[in-house]
């Protein structure tokens, strides 16, 4: 028990980083051939320092300086309202290419589509610079759970007890899945972070959680948790025996398919609306170079923060498709929120 608690705490805590400004030697910063020579970027991270998203942002930040020729980049944690405060600040910044945010794009998308009153941005107007990583979700139960397969969820004779950390992407997709197969949910609120909710599953207080594979690997390998399915349209290569959610719920549920597309976007860079084409193209070119830099890729593998890059234009196309599907997504979000009332 003590070892499990320690593993869960370490998974949630990440690695704290004190530095907030990254710069290269003058030889780089003064390179006139670089599009942002002599400038300083502002990178807003709307998430807690030392957690997964912050670790990604600070790992990548020096490479943005390297490939842009900028003088430096200031990383600023701006926490609050499930990333809304920080992304609002990004949205209202000048579209000069010098301010961006690194965030969980599913949270950004769903906060807008769900009608969150605090949201100032519009997902179809944000400038998308690229996705750094895609962390699909595994649906897990504790090792002592009586639920042994995802198929059993279709005939479960009681509500499935789920720990709620907030109305984030995990909350919405578990609700959308439940609606697709007729599973009743008992949502328990008040959990603060992964370690808290994971421990509730291990203790048998709740039934299951959604976790990224990189986060779940250690507790699966230890035998503490069992994956029932992946919240993806296809099985994950690392878990070939674990069915995809579409195998359980079917592949023709429009709301569930849209939620799967939302989850696939995950961690990426956003910039304010109204950015001119030349600046957008220059920043996307920087991101292309950053995310294909062999040094960054090697560093990311070493610290287990994998790079799974998708360029800004492709991300924008996915956002457009999700936005067009809002007529099926929004009712699903509204249904999920009402369960908390």
C-alpha atoms as a PDB file:
ATOM      1  CA  UNK A   1       0.000   0.000   0.000  1.00  0.00           C
ATOM      2  CA  UNK A   2       2.771   2.417   0.897  1.00  0.00           C
ATOM      3  CA  UNK A   3       4.577   1.668  -2.372  1.00  0.00           C
ATOM      4  CA  UNK A   4       1.408   2.207  -4.407  1.00  0.00           C
ATOM      5  CA  UNK A   5       0.763   5.546  -2.722  1.00  0.00           C
ATOM      6  CA  UNK A   6       4.324   6.626  -3.457  1.00  0.00           C
ATOM      7  CA  UNK A   7       3.980   5.609  -7.126  1.00  0.00           C
ATOM      8  CA  UNK A   8       0.740   7.542  -7.509  1.00  0.00           C
ATOM      9  CA  UNK A   9       2.132  10.643  -5.836  1.00  0.00           C
ATOM     10  CA  UNK A  10       5.200  10.579  -8.068  1.00  0.00           C
ATOM     11  CA  UNK A  11       3.042  10.189 -11.166  1.00  0.00           C
ATOM     12  CA  UNK A  12       0.984  13.221 -10.219  1.00  0.00           C
ATOM     13  CA  UNK A  13       3.851  15.402  -9.012  1.00  0.00           C
ATOM     14  CA  UNK A  14       6.106  15.305 -12.080  1.00  0.00           C
ATOM     15  CA  UNK A  15       9.466  17.074 -11.952  1.00  0.00           C
ATOM     16  CA  UNK A  16       9.559  20.632 -10.656  1.00  0.00           C
ATOM     17  CA  UNK A  17      11.586  23.109 -12.699  1.00  0.00           C
ATOM     18  CA  UNK A  18      12.635  26.449 -11.234  1.00  0.00           C
ATOM     19  CA  UNK A  19      13.825  28.219 -14.398  1.00  0.00           C
ATOM     20  CA  UNK A  20      11.303  30.399 -16.201  1.00  0.00           C
ATOM     21  CA  UNK A  21      13.402  31.984 -18.934  1.00  0.00           C
ATOM     22  CA  UNK A  22      15.414  30.167 -21.571  1.00  0.00           C
ATOM     23  CA  UNK A  23      17.971  31.812 -23.836  1.00  0.00           C
ATOM     24  CA  UNK A  24      20.713  30.842 -26.232  1.00  0.00           C
ATOM     25  CA  UNK A  25      24.148  32.485 -26.549  1.00  0.00           C
ATOM     26  CA  UNK A  26      24.271  35.783 -28.480  1.00  0.00           C
ATOM     27  CA  UNK A  27      25.522  34.015 -31.594  1.00  0.00           C
ATOM     28  CA  UNK A  28      22.091  32.417 -31.943  1.00  0.00           C
ATOM     29  CA  UNK A  29      19.981  35.328 -30.752  1.00  0.00           C
ATOM     30  CA  UNK A  30      21.554  37.769 -33.223  1.00  0.00           C
ATOM     31  CA  UNK A  31      21.224  35.563 -36.312  1.00  0.00           C
ATOM     32  CA  UNK A  32      19.512  37.925 -38.743  1.00  0.00           C
ATOM     33  CA  UNK A  33      18.386  35.043 -40.963  1.00  0.00           C
ATOM     34  CA  UNK A  34      16.079  33.788 -38.219  1.00  0.00           C
ATOM     35  CA  UNK A  35      12.489  35.119 -38.367  1.00  0.00           C
ATOM     36  CA  UNK A  36      12.319  36.201 -34.720  1.00  0.00           C
ATOM     37  CA  UNK A  37      15.900  37.384 -34.213  1.00  0.00           C
ATOM     38  CA  UNK A  38      16.357  39.554 -31.137  1.00  0.00           C
ATOM     39  CA  UNK A  39      12.813  38.972 -29.871  1.00  0.00           C
ATOM     40  CA  UNK A  40      11.622  37.275 -26.673  1.00  0.00           C
ATOM     41  CA  UNK A  41       8.730  34.837 -26.725  1.00  0.00           C
ATOM     42  CA  UNK A  42       6.145  34.590 -23.966  1.00  0.00           C
ATOM     43  CA  UNK A  43       4.946  31.024 -23.432  1.00  0.00           C
ATOM     44  CA  UNK A  44       1.887  30.760 -21.196  1.00  0.00           C
ATOM     45  CA  UNK A  45       1.396  27.375 -19.537  1.00  0.00           C
ATOM     46  CA  UNK A  46      -2.125  27.332 -18.011  1.00  0.00           C
ATOM     47  CA  UNK A  47      -1.198  24.418 -15.756  1.00  0.00           C
ATOM     48  CA  UNK A  48       0.644  23.841 -12.489  1.00  0.00           C
ATOM     49  CA  UNK A  49       4.430  24.004 -12.404  1.00  0.00           C
ATOM     50  CA  UNK A  50       6.116  20.622 -12.279  1.00  0.00           C
ATOM     51  CA  UNK A  51       3.201  18.670 -13.729  1.00  0.00           C
ATOM     52  CA  UNK A  52       3.159  16.848 -17.077  1.00  0.00           C
ATOM     53  CA  UNK A  53       2.178  19.743 -19.328  1.00  0.00           C
ATOM     54  CA  UNK A  54       4.619  22.095 -17.647  1.00  0.00           C
ATOM     55  CA  UNK A  55       7.410  19.529 -18.005  1.00  0.00           C
ATOM     56  CA  UNK A  56       6.686  19.255 -21.715  1.00  0.00           C
ATOM     57  CA  UNK A  57       6.629  23.025 -22.172  1.00  0.00           C
ATOM     58  CA  UNK A  58       9.934  23.585 -20.385  1.00  0.00           C
ATOM     59  CA  UNK A  59      11.589  20.712 -22.240  1.00  0.00           C
ATOM     60  CA  UNK A  60      10.551  22.134 -25.619  1.00  0.00           C
ATOM     61  CA  UNK A  61      11.053  25.851 -24.876  1.00  0.00           C
ATOM     62  CA  UNK A  62      14.851  26.019 -25.460  1.00  0.00           C
ATOM     63  CA  UNK A  63      14.397  24.410 -28.885  1.00  0.00           C
ATOM     64  CA  UNK A  64      11.925  27.139 -29.884  1.00  0.00           C
ATOM     65  CA  UNK A  65      14.694  29.633 -29.165  1.00  0.00           C
ATOM     66  CA  UNK A  66      17.202  27.493 -31.047  1.00  0.00           C
ATOM     67  CA  UNK A  67      15.152  27.204 -34.229  1.00  0.00           C
ATOM     68  CA  UNK A  68      13.634  30.693 -34.272  1.00  0.00           C
ATOM     69  CA  UNK A  69      16.749  32.719 -33.522  1.00  0.00           C
ATOM     70  CA  UNK A  70      14.873  34.514 -30.736  1.00  0.00           C
ATOM     71  CA  UNK A  71      16.771  36.069 -27.866  1.00  0.00           C
ATOM     72  CA  UNK A  72      14.855  34.015 -25.316  1.00  0.00           C
ATOM     73  CA  UNK A  73      11.543  32.584 -24.180  1.00  0.00           C
ATOM     74  CA  UNK A  74       9.775  33.289 -20.903  1.00  0.00           C
ATOM     75  CA  UNK A  75       7.666  30.435 -19.553  1.00  0.00           C
ATOM     76  CA  UNK A  76       4.804  31.655 -17.370  1.00  0.00           C
ATOM     77  CA  UNK A  77       2.501  29.367 -15.396  1.00  0.00           C
ATOM     78  CA  UNK A  78      -0.967  30.906 -15.262  1.00  0.00           C
ATOM     79  CA  UNK A  79      -3.178  28.452 -13.405  1.00  0.00           C
ATOM     80  CA  UNK A  80      -6.916  28.650 -12.895  1.00  0.00           C
ATOM     81  CA  UNK A  81     -10.360  27.571 -14.104  1.00  0.00           C
ATOM     82  CA  UNK A  82      -9.097  24.366 -15.739  1.00  0.00           C
ATOM     83  CA  UNK A  83      -6.719  26.257 -18.081  1.00  0.00           C
ATOM     84  CA  UNK A  84      -9.308  28.877 -19.092  1.00  0.00           C
ATOM     85  CA  UNK A  85      -7.527  31.821 -17.420  1.00  0.00           C
ATOM     86  CA  UNK A  86      -4.218  31.186 -19.154  1.00  0.00           C
ATOM     87  CA  UNK A  87      -5.762  30.544 -22.545  1.00  0.00           C
ATOM     88  CA  UNK A  88      -7.906  33.668 -22.214  1.00  0.00           C
ATOM     89  CA  UNK A  89      -4.658  35.597 -21.686  1.00  0.00           C
ATOM     90  CA  UNK A  90      -3.187  34.024 -24.822  1.00  0.00           C
ATOM     91  CA  UNK A  91      -6.340  34.852 -26.779  1.00  0.00           C
ATOM     92  CA  UNK A  92      -6.290  38.529 -25.833  1.00  0.00           C
ATOM     93  CA  UNK A  93      -2.572  39.024 -26.607  1.00  0.00           C
ATOM     94  CA  UNK A  94      -1.272  40.843 -29.671  1.00  0.00           C
ATOM     95  CA  UNK A  95      -1.141  38.544 -32.736  1.00  0.00           C
ATOM     96  CA  UNK A  96       2.523  39.324 -33.374  1.00  0.00           C
ATOM     97  CA  UNK A  97       3.761  35.761 -32.997  1.00  0.00           C
ATOM     98  CA  UNK A  98       5.515  36.414 -29.702  1.00  0.00           C
ATOM     99  CA  UNK A  99       2.842  35.090 -27.320  1.00  0.00           C
ATOM    100  CA  UNK A 100       1.595  31.509 -27.347  1.00  0.00           C
ATOM    101  CA  UNK A 101       0.258  28.931 -24.924  1.00  0.00           C
ATOM    102  CA  UNK A 102       1.111  25.277 -24.420  1.00  0.00           C
ATOM    103  CA  UNK A 103      -1.924  23.444 -23.176  1.00  0.00           C
ATOM    104  CA  UNK A 104      -4.240  20.444 -23.300  1.00  0.00           C
ATOM    105  CA  UNK A 105      -6.181  21.176 -26.462  1.00  0.00           C
ATOM    106  CA  UNK A 106      -9.136  18.904 -25.574  1.00  0.00           C
ATOM    107  CA  UNK A 107      -9.806  21.048 -22.484  1.00  0.00           C
ATOM    108  CA  UNK A 108      -9.700  24.186 -24.653  1.00  0.00           C
ATOM    109  CA  UNK A 109     -12.119  22.721 -27.200  1.00  0.00           C
ATOM    110  CA  UNK A 110     -14.604  21.341 -24.693  1.00  0.00           C
ATOM    111  CA  UNK A 111     -14.614  24.461 -22.516  1.00  0.00           C
ATOM    112  CA  UNK A 112     -15.735  26.478 -25.543  1.00  0.00           C
ATOM    113  CA  UNK A 113     -18.244  23.970 -26.926  1.00  0.00           C
ATOM    114  CA  UNK A 114     -19.773  23.346 -23.497  1.00  0.00           C
ATOM    115  CA  UNK A 115     -20.614  27.027 -23.119  1.00  0.00           C
ATOM    116  CA  UNK A 116     -18.282  27.724 -20.191  1.00  0.00           C
ATOM    117  CA  UNK A 117     -19.170  31.278 -19.170  1.00  0.00           C
ATOM    118  CA  UNK A 118     -15.559  32.162 -18.372  1.00  0.00           C
ATOM    119  CA  UNK A 119     -14.265  31.331 -21.844  1.00  0.00           C
ATOM    120  CA  UNK A 120     -13.369  34.327 -24.014  1.00  0.00           C
ATOM    121  CA  UNK A 121     -11.807  32.447 -26.927  1.00  0.00           C
ATOM    122  CA  UNK A 122     -13.376  30.740 -29.936  1.00  0.00           C
ATOM    123  CA  UNK A 123     -11.795  27.474 -31.017  1.00  0.00           C
ATOM    124  CA  UNK A 124     -12.439  28.150 -34.712  1.00  0.00           C
ATOM    125  CA  UNK A 125     -10.464  31.424 -34.521  1.00  0.00           C
ATOM    126  CA  UNK A 126      -7.399  30.373 -32.484  1.00  0.00           C
ATOM    127  CA  UNK A 127      -4.143  30.042 -34.449  1.00  0.00           C
ATOM    128  CA  UNK A 128      -2.948  26.435 -34.145  1.00  0.00           C
ATOM    129  CA  UNK A 129       0.820  25.999 -34.291  1.00  0.00           C
ATOM    130  CA  UNK A 130       1.121  22.229 -33.815  1.00  0.00           C
ATOM    131  CA  UNK A 131       0.559  19.247 -31.552  1.00  0.00           C
ATOM    132  CA  UNK A 132       3.571  18.037 -29.578  1.00  0.00           C
ATOM    133  CA  UNK A 133       2.177  14.824 -28.181  1.00  0.00           C
ATOM    134  CA  UNK A 134      -0.921  12.691 -28.262  1.00  0.00           C
ATOM    135  CA  UNK A 135      -1.676  10.728 -25.139  1.00  0.00           C
ATOM    136  CA  UNK A 136      -4.736   8.519 -25.678  1.00  0.00           C
ATOM    137  CA  UNK A 137      -6.583   7.255 -22.644  1.00  0.00           C
ATOM    138  CA  UNK A 138      -6.759   3.816 -21.114  1.00  0.00           C
ATOM    139  CA  UNK A 139      -9.846   2.894 -19.129  1.00  0.00           C
ATOM    140  CA  UNK A 140      -8.642   1.080 -16.003  1.00  0.00           C
ATOM    141  CA  UNK A 141     -10.085  -0.686 -12.979  1.00  0.00           C
ATOM    142  CA  UNK A 142      -8.353  -1.809  -9.804  1.00  0.00           C
ATOM    143  CA  UNK A 143      -6.842  -5.276  -9.591  1.00  0.00           C
ATOM    144  CA  UNK A 144      -9.556  -6.421  -7.159  1.00  0.00           C
ATOM    145  CA  UNK A 145     -12.456  -5.163  -9.266  1.00  0.00           C
ATOM    146  CA  UNK A 146     -15.260  -7.607 -10.034  1.00  0.00           C
ATOM    147  CA  UNK A 147     -15.430  -6.086 -13.531  1.00  0.00           C
ATOM    148  CA  UNK A 148     -13.072  -8.169 -15.658  1.00  0.00           C
ATOM    149  CA  UNK A 149     -13.813  -6.927 -19.181  1.00  0.00           C
ATOM    150  CA  UNK A 150     -15.207  -3.919 -21.003  1.00  0.00           C
ATOM    151  CA  UNK A 151     -18.038  -6.051 -22.402  1.00  0.00           C
ATOM    152  CA  UNK A 152     -19.323  -6.561 -18.847  1.00  0.00           C
ATOM    153  CA  UNK A 153     -20.035  -2.829 -18.639  1.00  0.00           C
ATOM    154  CA  UNK A 154     -22.950  -3.314 -21.035  1.00  0.00           C
ATOM    155  CA  UNK A 155     -24.794  -5.521 -18.535  1.00  0.00           C
ATOM    156  CA  UNK A 156     -23.554  -4.071 -15.245  1.00  0.00           C
ATOM    157  CA  UNK A 157     -26.456  -4.294 -12.775  1.00  0.00           C
ATOM    158  CA  UNK A 158     -25.456  -1.182 -10.855  1.00  0.00           C
ATOM    159  CA  UNK A 159     -24.059   2.299 -11.596  1.00  0.00           C
ATOM    160  CA  UNK A 160     -20.362   2.500 -12.407  1.00  0.00           C
ATOM    161  CA  UNK A 161     -18.724   4.693  -9.729  1.00  0.00           C
ATOM    162  CA  UNK A 162     -16.380   7.238 -11.315  1.00  0.00           C
ATOM    163  CA  UNK A 163     -14.158   9.799  -9.482  1.00  0.00           C
ATOM    164  CA  UNK A 164     -14.534  13.292 -10.939  1.00  0.00           C
ATOM    165  CA  UNK A 165     -11.611  15.753 -10.889  1.00  0.00           C
ATOM    166  CA  UNK A 166     -13.488  18.399 -12.856  1.00  0.00           C
ATOM    167  CA  UNK A 167     -15.306  18.826 -16.142  1.00  0.00           C
ATOM    168  CA  UNK A 168     -12.264  18.020 -18.258  1.00  0.00           C
ATOM    169  CA  UNK A 169     -11.966  15.862 -21.378  1.00  0.00           C
ATOM    170  CA  UNK A 170     -11.872  12.642 -19.329  1.00  0.00           C
ATOM    171  CA  UNK A 171     -15.133  13.562 -17.622  1.00  0.00           C
ATOM    172  CA  UNK A 172     -16.844  14.211 -20.940  1.00  0.00           C
ATOM    173  CA  UNK A 173     -15.632  11.113 -22.759  1.00  0.00           C
ATOM    174  CA  UNK A 174     -16.565   8.720 -19.936  1.00  0.00           C
ATOM    175  CA  UNK A 175     -20.051  10.222 -19.986  1.00  0.00           C
ATOM    176  CA  UNK A 176     -20.302   9.999 -23.783  1.00  0.00           C
ATOM    177  CA  UNK A 177     -19.180   6.363 -23.682  1.00  0.00           C
ATOM    178  CA  UNK A 178     -21.678   5.568 -20.930  1.00  0.00           C
ATOM    179  CA  UNK A 179     -24.501   7.054 -22.986  1.00  0.00           C
ATOM    180  CA  UNK A 180     -23.407   5.041 -26.037  1.00  0.00           C
ATOM    181  CA  UNK A 181     -23.776   1.672 -24.247  1.00  0.00           C
ATOM    182  CA  UNK A 182     -26.491   2.544 -21.713  1.00  0.00           C
ATOM    183  CA  UNK A 183     -24.173   2.407 -18.689  1.00  0.00           C
ATOM    184  CA  UNK A 184     -25.375   4.248 -15.599  1.00  0.00           C
ATOM    185  CA  UNK A 185     -22.768   6.400 -13.861  1.00  0.00           C
ATOM    186  CA  UNK A 186     -22.439   7.425 -10.236  1.00  0.00           C
ATOM    187  CA  UNK A 187     -20.187  10.491 -10.376  1.00  0.00           C
ATOM    188  CA  UNK A 188     -18.268  11.267  -7.188  1.00  0.00           C
ATOM    189  CA  UNK A 189     -16.827  14.773  -7.068  1.00  0.00           C
ATOM    190  CA  UNK A 190     -14.127  16.322  -4.909  1.00  0.00           C
ATOM    191  CA  UNK A 191     -11.074  14.436  -6.135  1.00  0.00           C
ATOM    192  CA  UNK A 192      -7.971  16.557  -6.601  1.00  0.00           C
ATOM    193  CA  UNK A 193      -5.568  15.174  -9.163  1.00  0.00           C
ATOM    194  CA  UNK A 194      -4.602  11.752 -10.463  1.00  0.00           C
ATOM    195  CA  UNK A 195      -3.062  10.414  -7.252  1.00  0.00           C
ATOM    196  CA  UNK A 196      -6.269  11.124  -5.303  1.00  0.00           C
ATOM    197  CA  UNK A 197      -8.641   9.495  -7.786  1.00  0.00           C
ATOM    198  CA  UNK A 198      -6.290   6.591  -8.518  1.00  0.00           C
ATOM    199  CA  UNK A 199      -6.022   5.779  -4.842  1.00  0.00           C
ATOM    200  CA  UNK A 200      -9.816   5.750  -4.578  1.00  0.00           C
ATOM    201  CA  UNK A 201      -9.930   3.076  -7.298  1.00  0.00           C
ATOM    202  CA  UNK A 202      -7.205   1.029  -5.643  1.00  0.00           C
ATOM    203  CA  UNK A 203      -9.067   1.172  -2.325  1.00  0.00           C
ATOM    204  CA  UNK A 204     -12.328   0.148  -3.971  1.00  0.00           C
ATOM    205  CA  UNK A 205     -14.125   3.404  -3.216  1.00  0.00           C
ATOM    206  CA  UNK A 206     -14.648   4.014  -6.948  1.00  0.00           C
ATOM    207  CA  UNK A 207     -14.597   1.669  -9.941  1.00  0.00           C
ATOM    208  CA  UNK A 208     -12.241   3.070 -12.536  1.00  0.00           C
ATOM    209  CA  UNK A 209     -10.320   5.940 -14.088  1.00  0.00           C
ATOM    210  CA  UNK A 210      -8.975   7.169 -17.417  1.00  0.00           C
ATOM    211  CA  UNK A 211      -5.205   7.617 -17.671  1.00  0.00           C
ATOM    212  CA  UNK A 212      -2.646   8.268 -20.401  1.00  0.00           C
ATOM    213  CA  UNK A 213      -0.589   5.134 -21.176  1.00  0.00           C
ATOM    214  CA  UNK A 214       2.654   6.829 -20.120  1.00  0.00           C
ATOM    215  CA  UNK A 215       1.082   7.639 -16.768  1.00  0.00           C
ATOM    216  CA  UNK A 216      -0.562   4.259 -16.340  1.00  0.00           C
ATOM    217  CA  UNK A 217       2.379   2.056 -17.369  1.00  0.00           C
ATOM    218  CA  UNK A 218       3.956   1.773 -13.918  1.00  0.00           C
ATOM    219  CA  UNK A 219       0.778   0.862 -12.058  1.00  0.00           C
ATOM    220  CA  UNK A 220      -0.244  -1.609 -14.771  1.00  0.00           C
ATOM    221  CA  UNK A 221       3.175  -3.271 -14.674  1.00  0.00           C
ATOM    222  CA  UNK A 222       2.965  -3.451 -10.879  1.00  0.00           C
ATOM    223  CA  UNK A 223      -0.361  -5.284 -11.177  1.00  0.00           C
ATOM    224  CA  UNK A 224      -2.285  -2.609  -9.262  1.00  0.00           C
ATOM    225  CA  UNK A 225      -4.551  -1.643 -12.182  1.00  0.00           C
ATOM    226  CA  UNK A 226      -6.013  -3.535 -15.154  1.00  0.00           C
ATOM    227  CA  UNK A 227      -6.765  -1.873 -18.530  1.00  0.00           C
ATOM    228  CA  UNK A 228     -10.226  -2.758 -19.886  1.00  0.00           C
ATOM    229  CA  UNK A 229     -10.130  -0.730 -23.105  1.00  0.00           C
ATOM    230  CA  UNK A 230      -8.521   2.233 -24.838  1.00  0.00           C
ATOM    231  CA  UNK A 231     -10.583   5.327 -25.635  1.00  0.00           C
ATOM    232  CA  UNK A 232      -9.448   5.179 -29.252  1.00  0.00           C
ATOM    233  CA  UNK A 233     -10.801   3.979 -32.592  1.00  0.00           C
ATOM    234  CA  UNK A 234      -8.059   1.346 -32.919  1.00  0.00           C
ATOM    235  CA  UNK A 235      -6.139  -0.786 -30.429  1.00  0.00           C
ATOM    236  CA  UNK A 236      -2.933   0.693 -29.069  1.00  0.00           C
ATOM    237  CA  UNK A 237       0.247  -1.077 -30.247  1.00  0.00           C
ATOM    238  CA  UNK A 238       1.530  -1.236 -26.668  1.00  0.00           C
ATOM    239  CA  UNK A 239      -1.676  -2.987 -25.551  1.00  0.00           C
ATOM    240  CA  UNK A 240      -2.718  -5.248 -28.451  1.00  0.00           C
ATOM    241  CA  UNK A 241      -4.981  -7.380 -26.252  1.00  0.00           C
ATOM    242  CA  UNK A 242      -6.948  -4.402 -24.941  1.00  0.00           C
ATOM    243  CA  UNK A 243      -9.997  -3.569 -27.112  1.00  0.00           C
ATOM    244  CA  UNK A 244     -10.647  -0.093 -28.463  1.00  0.00           C
ATOM    245  CA  UNK A 245     -13.750   1.706 -27.237  1.00  0.00           C
ATOM    246  CA  UNK A 246     -15.315   1.438 -30.709  1.00  0.00           C
ATOM    247  CA  UNK A 247     -15.203  -2.366 -30.383  1.00  0.00           C
ATOM    248  CA  UNK A 248     -17.404  -2.059 -27.312  1.00  0.00           C
ATOM    249  CA  UNK A 249     -19.675   0.856 -28.236  1.00  0.00           C
ATOM    250  CA  UNK A 250     -19.638   0.505 -32.031  1.00  0.00           C
ATOM    251  CA  UNK A 251     -18.041   2.765 -34.601  1.00  0.00           C
ATOM    252  CA  UNK A 252     -21.158   4.658 -35.702  1.00  0.00           C
ATOM    253  CA  UNK A 253     -21.776   6.831 -32.638  1.00  0.00           C
ATOM    254  CA  UNK A 254     -21.145  10.375 -33.888  1.00  0.00           C
ATOM    255  CA  UNK A 255     -20.711  11.971 -30.462  1.00  0.00           C
ATOM    256  CA  UNK A 256     -18.250   9.308 -29.301  1.00  0.00           C
ATOM    257  CA  UNK A 257     -16.273   9.540 -32.552  1.00  0.00           C
ATOM    258  CA  UNK A 258     -16.034  13.304 -32.150  1.00  0.00           C
ATOM    259  CA  UNK A 259     -14.807  12.898 -28.576  1.00  0.00           C
ATOM    260  CA  UNK A 260     -12.157  10.416 -29.744  1.00  0.00           C
ATOM    261  CA  UNK A 261     -11.001  13.015 -32.287  1.00  0.00           C
ATOM    262  CA  UNK A 262     -10.864  15.655 -29.542  1.00  0.00           C
ATOM    263  CA  UNK A 263      -8.731  13.416 -27.319  1.00  0.00           C
ATOM    264  CA  UNK A 264      -6.291  12.718 -30.167  1.00  0.00           C
ATOM    265  CA  UNK A 265      -5.198  16.360 -30.238  1.00  0.00           C
ATOM    266  CA  UNK A 266      -3.910  16.506 -26.675  1.00  0.00           C
ATOM    267  CA  UNK A 267      -0.845  18.700 -25.966  1.00  0.00           C
ATOM    268  CA  UNK A 268       0.033  21.536 -28.285  1.00  0.00           C
ATOM    269  CA  UNK A 269       0.838  25.158 -29.008  1.00  0.00           C
ATOM    270  CA  UNK A 270      -1.831  27.815 -29.576  1.00  0.00           C
ATOM    271  CA  UNK A 271      -1.524  31.470 -30.573  1.00  0.00           C
ATOM    272  CA  UNK A 272      -3.925  34.448 -30.691  1.00  0.00           C
ATOM    273  CA  UNK A 273      -6.461  34.965 -33.486  1.00  0.00           C
ATOM    274  CA  UNK A 274      -5.860  37.409 -36.301  1.00  0.00           C
ATOM    275  CA  UNK A 275      -2.243  36.464 -36.920  1.00  0.00           C
ATOM    276  CA  UNK A 276      -1.170  37.265 -40.474  1.00  0.00           C
ATOM    277  CA  UNK A 277      -0.293  34.442 -42.850  1.00  0.00           C
ATOM    278  CA  UNK A 278       3.434  35.179 -42.934  1.00  0.00           C
ATOM    279  CA  UNK A 279       3.789  35.120 -39.143  1.00  0.00           C
ATOM    280  CA  UNK A 280       1.669  31.977 -38.865  1.00  0.00           C
ATOM    281  CA  UNK A 281       3.750  30.237 -41.530  1.00  0.00           C
ATOM    282  CA  UNK A 282       7.000  31.312 -39.831  1.00  0.00           C
ATOM    283  CA  UNK A 283       5.897  29.981 -36.427  1.00  0.00           C
ATOM    284  CA  UNK A 284       4.652  26.711 -37.898  1.00  0.00           C
ATOM    285  CA  UNK A 285       7.994  26.313 -39.679  1.00  0.00           C
ATOM    286  CA  UNK A 286       9.752  26.812 -36.341  1.00  0.00           C
ATOM    287  CA  UNK A 287       7.527  24.159 -34.757  1.00  0.00           C
ATOM    288  CA  UNK A 288       8.313  21.745 -37.606  1.00  0.00           C
ATOM    289  CA  UNK A 289      12.029  22.180 -36.963  1.00  0.00           C
ATOM    290  CA  UNK A 290      11.642  21.976 -33.184  1.00  0.00           C
ATOM    291  CA  UNK A 291       9.704  18.729 -33.171  1.00  0.00           C
ATOM    292  CA  UNK A 292      11.987  16.979 -35.654  1.00  0.00           C
ATOM    293  CA  UNK A 293      15.174  18.007 -33.849  1.00  0.00           C
ATOM    294  CA  UNK A 294      17.029  14.748 -33.042  1.00  0.00           C
ATOM    295  CA  UNK A 295      18.337  16.241 -29.804  1.00  0.00           C
ATOM    296  CA  UNK A 296      14.822  17.006 -28.543  1.00  0.00           C
ATOM    297  CA  UNK A 297      13.513  13.606 -29.607  1.00  0.00           C
ATOM    298  CA  UNK A 298      16.345  11.855 -27.753  1.00  0.00           C
ATOM    299  CA  UNK A 299      15.784  13.985 -24.659  1.00  0.00           C
ATOM    300  CA  UNK A 300      12.034  13.326 -24.763  1.00  0.00           C
ATOM    301  CA  UNK A 301      12.579   9.570 -24.960  1.00  0.00           C
ATOM    302  CA  UNK A 302      15.009   9.694 -22.061  1.00  0.00           C
ATOM    303  CA  UNK A 303      12.563  11.446 -19.741  1.00  0.00           C
ATOM    304  CA  UNK A 304       9.525   9.549 -21.065  1.00  0.00           C
ATOM    305  CA  UNK A 305       7.772  12.566 -22.517  1.00  0.00           C
ATOM    306  CA  UNK A 306       7.241  11.273 -26.064  1.00  0.00           C
ATOM    307  CA  UNK A 307       7.033  13.579 -29.055  1.00  0.00           C
ATOM    308  CA  UNK A 308       4.152  12.683 -31.402  1.00  0.00           C
ATOM    309  CA  UNK A 309       4.082  15.716 -33.669  1.00  0.00           C
ATOM    310  CA  UNK A 310       1.278  16.929 -35.914  1.00  0.00           C
ATOM    311  CA  UNK A 311       1.720  20.205 -37.786  1.00  0.00           C
ATOM    312  CA  UNK A 312      -0.471  23.226 -37.252  1.00  0.00           C
ATOM    313  CA  UNK A 313      -2.332  23.010 -40.555  1.00  0.00           C
ATOM    314  CA  UNK A 314      -3.433  19.434 -39.856  1.00  0.00           C
ATOM    315  CA  UNK A 315      -4.482  20.341 -36.312  1.00  0.00           C
ATOM    316  CA  UNK A 316      -6.513  23.239 -37.701  1.00  0.00           C
ATOM    317  CA  UNK A 317      -8.282  20.871 -40.112  1.00  0.00           C
ATOM    318  CA  UNK A 318      -9.218  18.566 -37.218  1.00  0.00           C
ATOM    319  CA  UNK A 319     -10.533  21.503 -35.209  1.00  0.00           C
ATOM    320  CA  UNK A 320     -12.696  22.571 -38.165  1.00  0.00           C
ATOM    321  CA  UNK A 321     -14.173  19.058 -38.389  1.00  0.00           C
ATOM    322  CA  UNK A 322     -14.862  18.958 -34.642  1.00  0.00           C
ATOM    323  CA  UNK A 323     -16.470  22.399 -34.767  1.00  0.00           C
ATOM    324  CA  UNK A 324     -18.718  21.302 -37.626  1.00  0.00           C
ATOM    325  CA  UNK A 325     -19.777  18.296 -35.537  1.00  0.00           C
ATOM    326  CA  UNK A 326     -20.791  20.514 -32.619  1.00  0.00           C
ATOM    327  CA  UNK A 327     -24.472  19.698 -33.196  1.00  0.00           C
ATOM    328  CA  UNK A 328     -23.815  16.207 -31.823  1.00  0.00           C
ATOM    329  CA  UNK A 329     -21.024  17.127 -29.409  1.00  0.00           C
ATOM    330  CA  UNK A 330     -22.780  19.939 -27.550  1.00  0.00           C
ATOM    331  CA  UNK A 331     -25.858  17.895 -26.491  1.00  0.00           C
ATOM    332  CA  UNK A 332     -23.514  15.181 -25.173  1.00  0.00           C
ATOM    333  CA  UNK A 333     -21.622  17.775 -23.128  1.00  0.00           C
ATOM    334  CA  UNK A 334     -24.844  19.243 -21.766  1.00  0.00           C
ATOM    335  CA  UNK A 335     -26.063  15.806 -20.711  1.00  0.00           C
ATOM    336  CA  UNK A 336     -22.789  15.151 -18.908  1.00  0.00           C
ATOM    337  CA  UNK A 337     -22.891  18.459 -17.027  1.00  0.00           C
ATOM    338  CA  UNK A 338     -26.461  17.895 -15.889  1.00  0.00           C
ATOM    339  CA  UNK A 339     -25.363  14.745 -14.092  1.00  0.00           C
ATOM    340  CA  UNK A 340     -23.397  16.946 -11.684  1.00  0.00           C
ATOM    341  CA  UNK A 341     -26.378  19.165 -10.828  1.00  0.00           C
END
